[in-house]
Amino acid sequence: MAAKSIVYDLTDIRRNFELGEMTIKVLQGISLKIKSGEFVVITGESGSGKSTLMNLLGMLDVASSGVLEFDNVNVVGLSDDELSDIRGKKIGFIFQQFHLLGTLTALENVALPLMFQGVHEEKRWARAKKVLTKVGLGDRMHHKPNELSGGQQQRVAIARALVNDPEVILADEPTGNLDSKTSSEVMGIIRQLHKEGSTIILITHDEHLVKFGSKHIVLKDGRVV
């Protein structure tokens, strides 16, 4: 069996924010590796640096110092356009707030990222329909977000994360706005994606979700404990 490749390799990653004359040190020397196909759960108290780390892993922000390799490329120092290109092609995001556009149908919301990637219209619709069917919304494609339940909106958000066939799925508190039954259904979808080979990175404050992961990382005061 071939060894799994390293997707993320972080060495002494630090992220500081300047607030007037003060320097807020949020991440203080994070070093970790995440392999292809792993299901990593990251937990930590509020203020531990979870969201800042998620933003770095998702190329939404850049580290102040250190080395963050994604697919053997050090992304620290890449331009906004280069980071955006990686983000659009290789990373799928699932957020606690669904971030769906209220004027668009489920199908249009899911197809939208492909438009920014320059994918041909016919192919966009075909891929969007396929992933919506995969998450159990084949019969709700033409409904707008206000016509869907919270759980259905999160399924649309998952479908949108999948539509570009990403290498990594980053899930930030994906069950935070859902009741326990709906949370179980959403976690069932995420677990199935992992079984199918996706690399999953889940950030949560819910200790009950730790059991789903193959690796558990705990942050405290900007460090891995």
Protein backbone atom coordinates (compact mmCIF):
# COMPACT_ATOMS: atom_id res chain seq x y z
CA MET A 1 0.00 0.00 0.00
CA ALA A 2 1.48 3.32 -1.10
CA ALA A 3 2.31 5.88 1.59
CA LYS A 4 -0.12 8.77 1.72
CA SER A 5 1.20 12.07 0.45
CA ILE A 6 1.53 15.12 2.70
CA VAL A 7 -1.09 17.75 1.76
CA TYR A 8 -0.17 20.34 4.40
CA ASP A 9 3.22 20.71 6.06
CA LEU A 10 3.41 23.59 8.55
CA THR A 11 6.67 24.58 10.25
CA ASP A 12 6.76 27.24 12.98
CA ILE A 13 3.76 29.12 11.57
CA ARG A 14 3.07 32.42 13.33
CA ARG A 15 0.30 34.93 12.76
CA ASN A 16 0.40 38.33 14.39
CA PHE A 17 -2.08 41.18 14.13
CA GLU A 18 -1.14 44.79 14.70
CA LEU A 19 -3.63 46.72 16.83
CA GLY A 20 -2.37 50.30 17.09
CA GLU A 21 1.01 49.98 18.78
CA MET A 22 0.19 46.53 20.15
CA THR A 23 1.09 43.23 18.48
CA ILE A 24 -1.45 40.45 19.09
CA LYS A 25 0.25 37.06 18.72
CA VAL A 26 -2.56 34.69 17.68
CA LEU A 27 -0.59 31.70 16.35
CA GLN A 28 2.72 31.10 18.10
CA GLY A 29 4.73 28.51 16.24
CA ILE A 30 2.36 25.90 14.79
CA SER A 31 4.05 22.84 13.29
CA LEU A 32 1.96 19.96 11.94
CA LYS A 33 1.47 17.68 8.96
CA ILE A 34 -1.81 16.60 7.36
CA LYS A 35 -1.81 13.64 4.98
CA SER A 36 -4.04 12.98 2.01
CA GLY A 37 -7.22 11.16 3.04
CA GLU A 38 -7.04 12.08 6.73
CA PHE A 39 -10.04 13.32 8.72
CA VAL A 40 -8.52 15.93 11.05
CA VAL A 41 -10.59 17.46 13.84
CA ILE A 42 -9.21 20.70 15.33
CA THR A 43 -10.61 21.81 18.68
CA GLY A 44 -9.77 24.48 21.22
CA GLU A 45 -11.37 27.09 23.42
CA SER A 46 -12.57 30.40 22.03
CA GLY A 47 -9.51 32.53 21.27
CA SER A 48 -7.19 29.54 20.86
CA GLY A 49 -6.48 30.39 17.20
CA LYS A 50 -8.76 27.84 15.48
CA SER A 51 -10.33 30.27 13.02
CA THR A 52 -7.00 31.95 12.25
CA LEU A 53 -5.47 28.54 11.48
CA MET A 54 -8.47 27.65 9.30
CA ASN A 55 -8.01 30.89 7.34
CA LEU A 56 -4.34 30.06 6.73
CA LEU A 57 -5.12 26.48 5.64
CA GLY A 58 -7.81 27.82 3.30
CA MET A 59 -5.50 30.47 1.76
CA LEU A 60 -7.88 33.19 2.99
CA ASP A 61 -5.01 34.75 4.96
CA VAL A 62 -1.21 34.51 5.02
CA ALA A 63 1.13 33.73 7.90
CA SER A 64 3.38 36.40 9.41
CA SER A 65 6.31 33.95 9.35
CA GLY A 66 7.12 30.27 9.02
CA VAL A 67 6.61 27.75 6.22
CA LEU A 68 3.18 26.53 5.11
CA GLU A 69 3.50 24.02 2.29
CA PHE A 70 0.42 22.91 0.38
CA ASP A 71 1.12 20.16 -2.16
CA ASN A 72 4.86 20.81 -1.67
CA VAL A 73 4.55 24.54 -2.47
CA ASN A 74 5.29 27.11 0.24
CA VAL A 75 2.26 29.39 0.01
CA VAL A 76 3.69 32.01 2.40
CA GLY A 77 4.63 34.85 0.08
CA LEU A 78 2.37 33.92 -2.84
CA SER A 79 0.33 36.71 -4.42
CA ASP A 80 -3.43 37.11 -3.82
CA ASP A 81 -4.10 35.84 -7.35
CA GLU A 82 -1.97 32.73 -6.80
CA LEU A 83 -3.68 31.99 -3.48
CA SER A 84 -7.08 32.53 -5.08
CA ASP A 85 -6.22 30.08 -7.85
CA ILE A 86 -5.28 27.34 -5.33
CA ARG A 87 -8.39 28.08 -3.28
CA GLY A 88 -10.71 27.90 -6.25
CA LYS A 89 -9.34 24.66 -7.67
CA LYS A 90 -8.24 22.59 -4.69
CA ILE A 91 -10.18 23.61 -1.55
CA GLY A 92 -13.88 23.35 -0.70
CA PHE A 93 -15.31 25.37 2.20
CA ILE A 94 -18.24 24.55 4.48
CA PHE A 95 -19.12 27.31 6.95
CA GLN A 96 -21.36 27.55 10.01
CA GLN A 97 -23.19 30.45 8.33
CA PHE A 98 -24.22 28.91 5.03
CA HIS A 99 -23.24 31.98 2.94
CA LEU A 100 -25.80 31.24 0.24
CA LEU A 101 -27.01 34.03 -2.05
CA GLY A 102 -30.71 34.53 -1.31
CA THR A 103 -31.62 35.64 -4.84
CA LEU A 104 -30.24 32.45 -6.41
CA THR A 105 -31.66 28.92 -6.45
CA ALA A 106 -29.78 26.02 -4.88
CA LEU A 107 -28.59 25.02 -8.35
CA GLU A 108 -27.35 28.53 -9.13
CA ASN A 109 -25.58 28.84 -5.76
CA VAL A 110 -23.74 25.57 -6.35
CA ALA A 111 -22.80 26.37 -9.96
CA LEU A 112 -21.48 29.86 -9.11
CA PRO A 113 -17.88 28.87 -8.12
CA LEU A 114 -17.49 27.10 -11.48
CA MET A 115 -18.42 30.30 -13.31
CA PHE A 116 -15.50 32.05 -11.60
CA GLN A 117 -13.27 29.16 -12.72
CA GLY A 118 -14.33 29.71 -16.33
CA VAL A 119 -16.09 26.34 -16.66
CA HIS A 120 -18.44 26.11 -19.66
CA GLU A 121 -22.12 26.71 -18.79
CA GLU A 122 -23.38 23.26 -19.79
CA LYS A 123 -20.67 21.58 -17.71
CA ARG A 124 -21.42 23.91 -14.74
CA TRP A 125 -25.07 22.89 -14.61
CA ALA A 126 -24.28 19.20 -15.04
CA ARG A 127 -21.75 19.20 -12.19
CA ALA A 128 -24.00 21.26 -9.90
CA LYS A 129 -26.94 18.87 -10.48
CA LYS A 130 -24.71 15.88 -9.80
CA VAL A 131 -23.45 17.11 -6.41
CA LEU A 132 -26.89 18.32 -5.30
CA THR A 133 -28.25 14.85 -6.05
CA LYS A 134 -25.31 13.37 -4.12
CA VAL A 135 -26.30 15.31 -0.95
CA GLY A 136 -29.97 14.32 -1.31
CA LEU A 137 -31.36 17.53 -2.81
CA GLY A 138 -32.17 16.35 -6.32
CA ASP A 139 -35.78 17.47 -5.82
CA ARG A 140 -34.95 20.92 -4.32
CA MET A 141 -32.55 22.30 -6.92
CA HIS A 142 -34.79 25.15 -8.02
CA HIS A 143 -35.69 26.36 -4.52
CA LYS A 144 -34.14 29.49 -3.05
CA PRO A 145 -32.51 29.44 0.41
CA ASN A 146 -35.59 30.90 2.16
CA GLU A 147 -37.60 27.94 0.85
CA LEU A 148 -35.20 25.43 2.44
CA SER A 149 -34.69 24.27 6.03
CA GLY A 150 -31.40 24.94 7.85
CA GLY A 151 -30.26 21.39 7.18
CA GLN A 152 -31.12 21.66 3.50
CA GLN A 153 -29.24 24.96 3.24
CA GLN A 154 -26.18 23.31 4.78
CA ARG A 155 -26.49 20.49 2.22
CA VAL A 156 -26.48 23.11 -0.54
CA ALA A 157 -23.34 24.58 1.05
CA ILE A 158 -21.73 21.12 1.09
CA ALA A 159 -22.66 20.60 -2.57
CA ARG A 160 -21.08 23.98 -3.39
CA ALA A 161 -17.90 22.87 -1.57
CA LEU A 162 -17.82 19.68 -3.66
CA VAL A 163 -18.58 21.12 -7.08
CA ASN A 164 -14.94 21.89 -7.97
CA ASP A 165 -13.90 18.35 -6.94
CA PRO A 166 -11.54 19.72 -4.26
CA GLU A 167 -8.49 18.01 -2.83
CA VAL A 168 -9.35 19.24 0.68
CA ILE A 169 -12.64 20.09 2.40
CA LEU A 170 -12.40 22.66 5.21
CA ALA A 171 -15.43 22.60 7.49
CA ASP A 172 -15.70 25.44 10.05
CA GLU A 173 -18.33 24.58 12.71
CA PRO A 174 -20.52 22.92 10.02
CA THR A 175 -23.14 21.80 12.57
CA GLY A 176 -23.05 24.95 14.71
CA ASN A 177 -26.43 26.28 13.53
CA LEU A 178 -28.23 22.93 13.33
CA ASP A 179 -30.33 20.83 15.70
CA SER A 180 -28.96 17.46 16.83
CA LYS A 181 -30.90 15.37 14.26
CA THR A 182 -29.86 17.59 11.35
CA SER A 183 -26.29 17.72 12.69
CA SER A 184 -26.15 13.91 12.55
CA GLU A 185 -27.34 13.94 8.94
CA VAL A 186 -24.75 16.55 7.91
CA MET A 187 -21.96 14.67 9.70
CA GLY A 188 -23.13 11.52 7.90
CA ILE A 189 -22.53 13.25 4.56
CA ILE A 190 -19.09 14.50 5.66
CA ARG A 191 -18.11 11.02 6.92
CA GLN A 192 -19.18 9.52 3.59
CA LEU A 193 -17.00 12.03 1.73
CA HIS A 194 -14.07 10.93 3.90
CA LYS A 195 -14.78 7.26 3.12
CA GLU A 196 -14.69 8.16 -0.57
CA GLY A 197 -11.18 9.55 -0.16
CA SER A 198 -11.60 13.25 0.62
CA THR A 199 -9.19 14.94 3.01
CA ILE A 200 -11.38 16.58 5.68
CA ILE A 201 -10.32 19.27 8.15
CA LEU A 202 -13.06 20.02 10.66
CA ILE A 203 -12.83 22.89 13.12
CA THR A 204 -15.26 22.68 16.02
CA HIS A 205 -15.84 23.44 19.68
CA ASP A 206 -18.14 20.38 19.88
CA GLU A 207 -16.16 17.59 21.58
CA HIS A 208 -18.78 15.07 20.40
CA LEU A 209 -17.42 15.41 16.84
CA VAL A 210 -13.88 14.40 17.79
CA LYS A 211 -14.78 10.71 17.48
CA PHE A 212 -15.35 11.08 13.74
CA GLY A 213 -11.77 12.08 13.01
CA SER A 214 -8.67 10.00 12.31
CA LYS A 215 -6.51 12.72 13.92
CA HIS A 216 -7.32 15.19 16.72
CA ILE A 217 -5.41 18.47 17.09
CA VAL A 218 -5.98 20.66 20.16
CA LEU A 219 -5.05 24.35 20.11
CA LYS A 220 -4.44 26.46 23.19
CA ASP A 221 -3.13 30.03 23.20
CA GLY A 222 -2.04 29.76 19.59
CA ARG A 223 -0.07 26.53 20.05
CA VAL A 224 -0.70 22.84 19.40
CA VAL A 225 -0.94 21.03 22.75
